[in-house]
Amino acid sequence: MWVTIVVVVTYTTPNSGVEPFLMPSDTHETARWTPETPEDRDLVTRELNAILSSSHFSGSKRYPALLKYVVSKTLDGHSDELKERTLGVEVFDRSPDYDTNADPVVRFSASEVRKRLAQYYSECDESSQLLIQLPLGSYVPEFKPKGAAPNVMVLRRSRSLWWVAAAFLLTLAVFGAYSYRKASAPRSTDKLWDPLLHSPASVLIVVGTSDFVPPNVKPVEADVTDHLRGPFHHITMSSAIALARMAGFLQANGKAYEIKDDREVSLTDFRSRPVILIGARNNPWTMRLTDPLRFRFDFGSLSRIQDRENPNSNAWNDPHTYESADSSTSDYALITRYHDTTTNGTVMVVAGLGTYGTEAASEFAVSPQYIDQLLSKAPANWGNKNLEIVIRTDKINGEAGPPYLVSSTSW
């Protein structure tokens, strides 16, 4: 039986400061306009100043600095210099040889600038004659006449972001419970999950927050608006889907569970209980607990899953983890289930190099048809052993494709 559940949550209080969250529509494209005369450039400058003085930008330092820099460079005819490393050095004072994979401050800031520009243009009055936009996948701004404004879809939200997110995740978890009923779970799925399902303690699910918080951008330095709009307390849609699948599977099997984000827990919370870790780069617990294992995450100059028995191999890598969906064709992920001597409990990891991998790994972990792939490669008694699985997923039209078993090890 298929069940479709739709939950619409509206939560506002008097003077609660309800803010719009805006998503650009793809239904209306316009030609670029290039400011060529002094009057044109003056128009862009006036519009930029109006944007920077608005409430969407005036309370922060990073985002106005980035927007002002890219607009000024473009007006000066140097848009070809607007590369990630250059922006990191010139705007955010990074060293010329800094690791852009380990410190994606430019990408995070650009994403926030896009969001704030959309919010600004949804609220500004009609006197504005120009649109300044920062297209996805580019750091070169575009200037468009106000009459060519793209359509926007507005979703109202309150400051209680977690309240709304909880309702959304609960909806997905309920759907997951119908999808993964105990009655339909064959033995291969049970073999993977038995140590968690048969533990007397409830399962702790720890989900990573945000894509990644750069080491030089600390939440304590962010203002109130920064905290509300992220990335410090958000989870990705792929992590939400993975969380829903894990919770749905446990619920369908009558297993109690608790959900926390990575900042809410300490090692004491892990003691003598099964733990599920979702996400890698955004979840420090995943990085810490999988580091001694044969298959481990390595986010150095190249994002990869490293095999300690073949440490120089880069076969399982995604060098464009934070780039656009079309810049890389595959993502890799780990599914790990083992008894951790530090926590004295079972640890399961469901995590990808990028968001696609995390989503695909969660699908593999709860789907009998994928776990059956282990039967031809794993030893007969693999259900009683510690286990690591490497999977690959292809990125298809901006979504995670089916997961494929690449390698496995048990001990």
Protein backbone atom coordinates (compact mmCIF):
# COMPACT_ATOMS: atom_id res chain seq x y z
CA MET A 1 0.00 0.00 0.00
CA TRP A 2 1.33 3.40 -1.01
CA VAL A 3 0.69 6.26 1.36
CA THR A 4 1.17 9.91 0.44
CA ILE A 5 1.40 12.37 3.30
CA VAL A 6 1.46 16.12 2.84
CA VAL A 7 2.20 18.35 5.81
CA VAL A 8 1.86 22.12 5.55
CA VAL A 9 3.25 23.97 8.54
CA THR A 10 2.57 27.64 9.25
CA TYR A 11 4.09 28.98 12.41
CA THR A 12 4.10 32.66 13.21
CA THR A 13 3.77 34.75 16.32
CA PRO A 14 3.17 38.48 16.70
CA ASN A 15 6.31 40.39 15.77
CA SER A 16 8.12 37.12 15.12
CA GLY A 17 10.08 38.57 12.25
CA VAL A 18 8.87 36.26 9.54
CA GLU A 19 11.34 36.26 6.69
CA PRO A 20 11.02 35.15 3.08
CA PHE A 21 13.08 32.36 1.68
CA LEU A 22 13.39 32.77 -2.06
CA MET A 23 14.16 30.41 -4.88
CA PRO A 24 14.83 31.76 -8.36
CA SER A 25 12.58 30.37 -11.03
CA ASP A 26 14.02 28.87 -14.21
CA THR A 27 11.03 29.87 -16.29
CA HIS A 28 12.18 33.31 -17.36
CA GLU A 29 15.55 34.07 -18.93
CA THR A 30 16.74 37.49 -19.99
CA ALA A 31 19.69 38.78 -22.00
CA ARG A 32 22.68 40.17 -20.15
CA TRP A 33 23.15 43.90 -20.10
CA THR A 34 26.69 45.28 -20.13
CA PRO A 35 27.29 48.74 -18.60
CA GLU A 36 29.40 50.54 -21.17
CA THR A 37 29.01 54.27 -20.56
CA PRO A 38 29.89 56.24 -17.40
CA GLU A 39 26.16 56.69 -16.84
CA ASP A 40 25.64 52.93 -17.02
CA ARG A 41 28.41 52.28 -14.51
CA ASP A 42 27.02 54.97 -12.23
CA LEU A 43 23.63 53.25 -12.32
CA VAL A 44 25.22 49.98 -11.24
CA THR A 45 27.17 51.71 -8.46
CA ARG A 46 24.05 53.38 -7.08
CA GLU A 47 22.21 50.07 -7.11
CA LEU A 48 25.11 48.35 -5.38
CA ASN A 49 25.19 50.99 -2.65
CA ALA A 50 21.47 50.60 -2.09
CA ILE A 51 21.88 46.85 -1.74
CA LEU A 52 24.81 47.09 0.66
CA SER A 53 22.97 49.57 2.89
CA SER A 54 19.90 47.32 3.12
CA SER A 55 19.19 45.15 6.16
CA HIS A 56 20.10 42.06 4.16
CA PHE A 57 23.76 43.10 3.91
CA SER A 58 24.46 45.87 6.41
CA GLY A 59 24.67 43.52 9.40
CA SER A 60 27.48 41.40 7.96
CA LYS A 61 31.04 41.94 6.81
CA ARG A 62 31.82 38.97 4.58
CA TYR A 63 28.91 39.11 2.15
CA PRO A 64 29.01 42.86 1.35
CA ALA A 65 32.77 42.59 0.85
CA LEU A 66 32.38 39.79 -1.68
CA LEU A 67 29.56 41.46 -3.60
CA LYS A 68 31.31 44.83 -3.74
CA TYR A 69 34.54 43.24 -4.96
CA VAL A 70 33.01 41.21 -7.80
CA VAL A 71 30.87 44.12 -8.99
CA SER A 72 33.81 46.54 -8.94
CA LYS A 73 36.07 44.11 -10.80
CA THR A 74 33.40 43.56 -13.43
CA LEU A 75 32.84 47.28 -13.94
CA ASP A 76 36.60 47.71 -14.33
CA GLY A 77 36.66 45.06 -17.05
CA HIS A 78 38.48 42.43 -15.00
CA SER A 79 35.76 39.82 -14.63
CA ASP A 80 38.19 37.16 -15.91
CA GLU A 81 40.03 37.48 -12.58
CA LEU A 82 37.01 36.40 -10.54
CA LYS A 83 38.17 32.92 -9.61
CA GLU A 84 37.70 31.15 -6.30
CA ARG A 85 41.32 31.30 -5.20
CA THR A 86 41.67 34.96 -6.17
CA LEU A 87 38.57 35.86 -4.18
CA GLY A 88 39.80 33.87 -1.20
CA VAL A 89 43.06 35.81 -1.20
CA GLU A 90 41.76 39.27 -2.07
CA VAL A 91 38.47 39.30 -0.14
CA PHE A 92 38.97 36.85 2.72
CA ASP A 93 42.71 37.28 3.36
CA ARG A 94 43.63 33.67 2.70
CA SER A 95 47.19 32.77 1.77
CA PRO A 96 47.86 32.34 -1.98
CA ASP A 97 48.39 28.58 -1.58
CA TYR A 98 45.40 27.87 0.67
CA ASP A 99 43.40 24.67 0.16
CA THR A 100 40.08 25.64 -1.44
CA ASN A 101 38.64 22.17 -0.75
CA ALA A 102 39.40 22.34 2.97
CA ASP A 103 38.32 25.99 3.23
CA PRO A 104 35.37 26.69 0.88
CA VAL A 105 34.68 30.13 2.35
CA VAL A 106 34.25 31.66 -1.11
CA ARG A 107 31.61 29.15 -2.17
CA PHE A 108 29.67 29.49 1.06
CA SER A 109 29.75 33.27 0.93
CA ALA A 110 28.71 33.36 -2.73
CA SER A 111 25.74 31.10 -1.95
CA GLU A 112 24.68 33.43 0.83
CA VAL A 113 25.08 36.50 -1.41
CA ARG A 114 22.75 34.91 -3.98
CA LYS A 115 20.15 34.23 -1.33
CA ARG A 116 20.32 37.74 0.12
CA LEU A 117 20.10 39.34 -3.31
CA ALA A 118 16.93 37.36 -3.99
CA GLN A 119 15.49 38.47 -0.66
CA TYR A 120 16.43 42.09 -1.31
CA TYR A 121 14.73 42.22 -4.69
CA SER A 122 11.60 40.57 -3.32
CA GLU A 123 11.18 43.39 -0.82
CA CYS A 124 12.65 46.54 -2.40
CA ASP A 125 10.37 49.17 -3.86
CA GLU A 126 9.76 49.68 -7.56
CA SER A 127 12.15 52.64 -7.80
CA SER A 128 15.07 50.33 -8.47
CA GLN A 129 15.92 50.32 -12.16
CA LEU A 130 18.42 47.49 -12.15
CA LEU A 131 18.96 43.92 -10.96
CA ILE A 132 22.36 42.74 -9.77
CA GLN A 133 22.60 38.96 -9.70
CA LEU A 134 25.30 36.37 -9.05
CA PRO A 135 24.54 33.36 -11.25
CA LEU A 136 24.97 29.83 -9.93
CA GLY A 137 28.36 28.36 -10.77
CA SER A 138 29.94 31.75 -11.41
CA TYR A 139 31.48 34.63 -9.49
CA VAL A 140 30.86 37.12 -12.29
CA PRO A 141 27.78 39.26 -11.53
CA GLU A 142 25.10 39.97 -14.10
CA PHE A 143 23.25 43.25 -14.49
CA LYS A 144 19.69 43.29 -15.82
CA PRO A 145 17.02 45.96 -16.29
CA LYS A 146 14.43 45.78 -13.53
CA GLY A 147 11.72 44.89 -16.02
CA ALA A 148 13.60 41.68 -16.77
CA ALA A 149 13.38 40.38 -13.23
CA PRO A 150 12.98 36.62 -13.06
CA ASN A 151 9.93 35.14 -11.45
CA VAL A 152 10.37 34.03 -7.88
CA MET A 153 8.59 31.51 -5.74
CA VAL A 154 8.22 32.67 -2.14
CA LEU A 155 8.08 30.32 0.81
CA ARG A 156 7.37 32.08 4.08
CA ARG A 157 9.24 30.86 7.10
CA SER A 158 9.61 31.91 10.72
CA ARG A 159 12.73 32.12 12.78
CA SER A 160 11.89 28.74 14.33
CA LEU A 161 13.65 26.88 11.55
CA TRP A 162 14.14 23.67 13.47
CA TRP A 163 10.39 23.47 14.27
CA VAL A 164 9.54 23.48 10.58
CA ALA A 165 12.43 21.17 9.73
CA ALA A 166 11.31 18.70 12.38
CA ALA A 167 7.84 18.53 10.85
CA PHE A 168 9.32 17.95 7.43
CA LEU A 169 11.64 15.22 8.64
CA LEU A 170 8.84 13.57 10.59
CA THR A 171 6.84 13.43 7.37
CA LEU A 172 9.72 11.73 5.57
CA ALA A 173 10.28 9.34 8.46
CA VAL A 174 6.64 8.28 8.46
CA PHE A 175 6.84 7.69 4.74
CA GLY A 176 10.01 5.70 5.30
CA ALA A 177 8.27 3.53 7.87
CA TYR A 178 5.70 2.52 5.29
CA SER A 179 8.42 1.88 2.71
CA TYR A 180 10.58 -0.33 4.92
CA ARG A 181 8.17 -2.48 6.89
CA LYS A 182 9.66 -5.29 8.94
CA ALA A 183 7.51 -7.83 7.14
CA SER A 184 9.15 -7.02 3.80
CA ALA A 185 12.76 -7.00 5.02
CA PRO A 186 14.63 -10.12 3.92
CA ARG A 187 17.59 -11.69 5.69
CA SER A 188 20.28 -9.70 3.84
CA THR A 189 18.96 -6.43 5.26
CA ASP A 190 18.64 -7.92 8.72
CA LYS A 191 22.27 -9.05 8.63
CA LEU A 192 23.45 -5.49 8.21
CA TRP A 193 21.13 -4.06 10.84
CA ASP A 194 20.92 -6.83 13.46
CA PRO A 195 23.58 -5.39 15.84
CA LEU A 196 21.62 -2.14 16.04
CA LEU A 197 18.13 -3.63 16.12
CA HIS A 198 18.98 -6.19 18.83
CA SER A 199 20.79 -3.78 21.12
CA PRO A 200 18.91 -3.15 24.38
CA ALA A 201 19.66 0.57 24.13
CA SER A 202 17.99 3.03 21.77
CA VAL A 203 19.84 4.10 18.64
CA LEU A 204 21.43 7.55 18.54
CA ILE A 205 21.35 9.15 15.07
CA VAL A 206 23.89 11.96 14.69
CA VAL A 207 23.48 14.07 11.57
CA GLY A 208 26.08 16.53 10.31
CA THR A 209 25.06 20.19 10.16
CA SER A 210 25.66 22.40 7.10
CA ASP A 211 27.83 21.33 4.17
CA PHE A 212 30.98 22.28 6.03
CA VAL A 213 32.00 25.10 8.35
CA PRO A 214 35.33 26.49 7.18
CA PRO A 215 37.97 26.51 9.93
CA ASN A 216 38.46 30.26 9.63
CA VAL A 217 34.76 31.12 9.79
CA LYS A 218 33.59 30.59 13.37
CA PRO A 219 29.92 30.71 14.37
CA VAL A 220 30.78 32.93 17.33
CA GLU A 221 31.87 35.63 14.88
CA ALA A 222 28.59 35.53 12.95
CA ASP A 223 25.79 37.97 13.60
CA VAL A 224 22.17 37.00 14.31
CA THR A 225 21.23 37.06 10.64
CA ASP A 226 24.18 34.80 9.82
CA HIS A 227 22.99 32.24 12.36
CA LEU A 228 19.44 32.29 11.04
CA ARG A 229 20.40 31.94 7.41
CA GLY A 230 23.25 29.51 7.94
CA PRO A 231 25.20 27.58 7.28
CA PHE A 232 25.90 26.87 10.95
CA HIS A 233 22.67 25.07 11.90
CA HIS A 234 21.34 23.70 8.61
CA ILE A 235 21.36 20.25 7.09
CA THR A 236 21.32 19.53 3.39
CA MET A 237 18.35 17.98 1.64
CA SER A 238 20.43 14.85 0.99
CA SER A 239 21.21 14.56 4.70
CA ALA A 240 17.52 15.04 5.47
CA ILE A 241 16.63 12.23 3.07
CA ALA A 242 19.29 9.98 4.61
CA LEU A 243 18.04 10.81 8.09
CA ALA A 244 14.46 10.02 7.09
CA ARG A 245 15.49 6.66 5.64
CA MET A 246 17.44 5.67 8.76
CA ALA A 247 14.66 6.77 11.11
CA GLY A 248 12.01 5.17 8.91
CA PHE A 249 13.82 1.83 8.88
CA LEU A 250 14.24 1.84 12.66
CA GLN A 251 10.63 2.83 13.19
CA ALA A 252 9.39 0.11 10.85
CA ASN A 253 11.36 -2.42 12.89
CA GLY A 254 10.05 -1.14 16.23
CA LYS A 255 13.42 0.20 17.35
CA ALA A 256 13.57 3.32 19.52
CA TYR A 257 15.89 6.08 18.34
CA GLU A 258 17.02 9.61 19.16
CA ILE A 259 18.14 12.28 16.70
CA LYS A 260 20.78 14.91 17.44
CA ASP A 261 23.05 17.09 15.35
CA ASP A 262 26.82 16.74 15.58
CA ARG A 263 27.23 19.77 17.87
CA GLU A 264 24.82 18.48 20.50
CA VAL A 265 26.68 15.30 21.42
CA SER A 266 29.84 14.30 23.25
CA LEU A 267 31.66 11.00 23.38
CA THR A 268 29.77 10.22 26.58
CA ASP A 269 26.50 10.14 24.59
CA PHE A 270 27.95 7.33 22.47
CA ARG A 271 28.83 5.00 25.35
CA SER A 272 27.37 1.47 25.19
CA ARG A 273 24.69 2.26 22.64
CA PRO A 274 24.38 1.90 18.85
CA VAL A 275 25.11 5.06 16.87
CA ILE A 276 24.35 6.02 13.27
CA LEU A 277 26.51 8.81 11.82
CA ILE A 278 25.18 10.65 8.77
CA GLY A 279 27.55 12.72 6.66
CA ALA A 280 31.35 12.90 6.54
CA ARG A 281 32.83 16.30 5.89
CA ASN A 282 30.01 17.97 7.78
CA ASN A 283 30.17 15.49 10.67
CA PRO A 284 33.37 15.52 12.77
CA TRP A 285 32.30 12.33 14.56
CA THR A 286 32.39 10.42 11.29
CA MET A 287 35.86 11.74 10.54
CA ARG A 288 37.10 10.87 14.02
CA LEU A 289 35.69 7.37 14.36
CA THR A 290 36.45 6.15 10.84
CA ASP A 291 39.99 7.54 10.71
CA PRO A 292 41.67 4.35 12.07
CA LEU A 293 39.77 2.04 9.69
CA ARG A 294 40.99 0.59 6.41
CA PHE A 295 38.59 2.70 4.33
CA ARG A 296 38.62 6.30 5.52
CA PHE A 297 37.75 9.77 4.27
CA ASP A 298 40.56 12.01 3.09
CA PHE A 299 39.62 15.63 2.38
CA GLY A 300 42.99 16.99 1.40
CA SER A 301 43.81 18.54 -1.94
CA LEU A 302 41.63 15.81 -3.44
CA SER A 303 38.41 14.61 -1.82
CA ARG A 304 38.62 10.83 -1.75
CA ILE A 305 37.98 7.63 0.14
CA GLN A 306 41.39 6.20 0.93
CA ASP A 307 42.22 2.50 1.13
CA ARG A 308 45.03 2.11 3.65
CA GLU A 309 46.17 -1.03 1.83
CA ASN A 310 46.62 1.07 -1.31
CA PRO A 311 47.10 4.58 0.09
CA ASN A 312 48.33 6.22 -3.11
CA SER A 313 45.29 5.27 -5.16
CA ASN A 314 42.86 8.04 -6.07
CA ALA A 315 40.30 5.74 -7.67
CA TRP A 316 37.51 6.75 -5.29
CA ASN A 317 37.57 10.50 -5.50
CA ASP A 318 35.40 13.50 -6.29
CA PRO A 319 37.56 16.59 -6.87
CA HIS A 320 34.48 18.77 -7.37
CA THR A 321 32.51 17.97 -4.22
CA TYR A 322 31.42 21.59 -3.81
CA GLU A 323 31.14 22.55 -7.43
CA SER A 324 28.07 22.47 -9.65
CA ALA A 325 26.20 19.23 -10.23
CA ASP A 326 27.61 18.91 -13.76
CA SER A 327 31.27 19.35 -12.89
CA SER A 328 31.77 15.74 -11.84
CA THR A 329 29.92 12.61 -12.90
CA SER A 330 30.31 10.39 -9.83
CA ASP A 331 30.35 10.47 -6.06
CA TYR A 332 31.60 7.84 -3.62
CA ALA A 333 30.41 6.90 -0.15
CA LEU A 334 31.12 4.66 2.81
CA ILE A 335 28.72 2.42 4.68
CA THR A 336 30.49 1.18 7.77
CA ARG A 337 29.16 -1.01 10.57
CA TYR A 338 31.53 -2.10 13.29
CA HIS A 339 31.97 -2.47 17.04
CA ASP A 340 33.89 0.53 18.26
CA THR A 341 36.12 -0.15 21.25
CA THR A 342 36.14 3.51 22.26
CA THR A 343 32.35 3.76 22.59
CA ASN A 344 31.79 0.06 23.39
CA GLY A 345 28.90 0.00 20.96
CA THR A 346 27.98 -0.55 17.33
CA VAL A 347 28.70 2.35 14.99
CA MET A 348 27.10 2.64 11.56
CA VAL A 349 28.33 5.30 9.16
CA VAL A 350 26.31 6.44 6.15
CA ALA A 351 28.34 9.15 4.47
CA GLY A 352 29.52 10.34 1.07
CA LEU A 353 32.30 12.52 -0.20
CA GLY A 354 29.50 14.85 -1.28
CA THR A 355 25.76 15.06 -0.75
CA TYR A 356 25.01 12.70 -3.62
CA GLY A 357 27.07 9.97 -1.99
CA THR A 358 25.35 10.37 1.37
CA GLU A 359 21.92 10.10 -0.21
CA ALA A 360 22.89 7.04 -2.28
CA ALA A 361 24.52 5.34 0.73
CA SER A 362 21.32 5.69 2.74
CA GLU A 363 19.36 4.08 -0.09
CA PHE A 364 21.82 1.20 -0.24
CA ALA A 365 21.70 0.62 3.53
CA VAL A 366 17.92 0.08 3.69
CA SER A 367 17.31 -1.63 0.35
CA PRO A 368 17.51 -5.45 0.13
CA GLN A 369 18.21 -5.43 -3.61
CA TYR A 370 21.40 -3.44 -3.04
CA ILE A 371 22.59 -5.26 0.06
CA ASP A 372 22.20 -8.51 -1.89
CA GLN A 373 25.19 -7.31 -3.92
CA LEU A 374 27.30 -8.15 -0.88
CA LEU A 375 26.41 -11.84 -1.08
CA SER A 376 28.77 -12.47 -3.99
CA LYS A 377 31.74 -10.66 -2.41
CA ALA A 378 31.43 -10.81 1.37
CA PRO A 379 32.24 -13.95 3.40
CA ALA A 380 29.37 -16.22 4.35
CA ASN A 381 29.32 -15.02 7.95
CA TRP A 382 29.70 -11.32 7.15
CA GLY A 383 26.67 -10.46 9.26
CA ASN A 384 28.69 -11.29 12.39
CA LYS A 385 31.74 -9.30 11.35
CA ASN A 386 32.72 -5.66 11.23
CA LEU A 387 32.09 -4.35 7.75
CA GLU A 388 33.05 -1.49 5.45
CA ILE A 389 31.44 -0.94 2.06
CA VAL A 390 32.47 1.53 -0.64
CA ILE A 391 29.73 2.51 -3.09
CA ARG A 392 29.57 4.74 -6.15
CA THR A 393 26.68 6.75 -7.47
CA ASP A 394 26.42 8.58 -10.76
CA LYS A 395 25.09 12.12 -10.81
CA ILE A 396 22.14 12.19 -13.18
CA ASN A 397 20.45 15.51 -13.97
CA GLY A 398 21.48 16.98 -10.64
CA GLU A 399 20.32 13.96 -8.61
CA ALA A 400 21.92 10.89 -7.09
CA GLY A 401 21.62 7.82 -9.28
CA PRO A 402 21.40 4.21 -8.07
CA PRO A 403 24.19 3.06 -5.73
CA TYR A 404 26.71 0.46 -6.92
CA LEU A 405 28.94 -1.69 -4.75
CA VAL A 406 32.61 -0.95 -5.48
CA SER A 407 34.47 -2.71 -2.71
CA SER A 408 34.03 -4.17 0.76
CA THR A 409 36.13 -5.46 3.62
CA SER A 410 35.28 -7.30 6.83
CA TRP A 411 37.18 -8.30 9.92
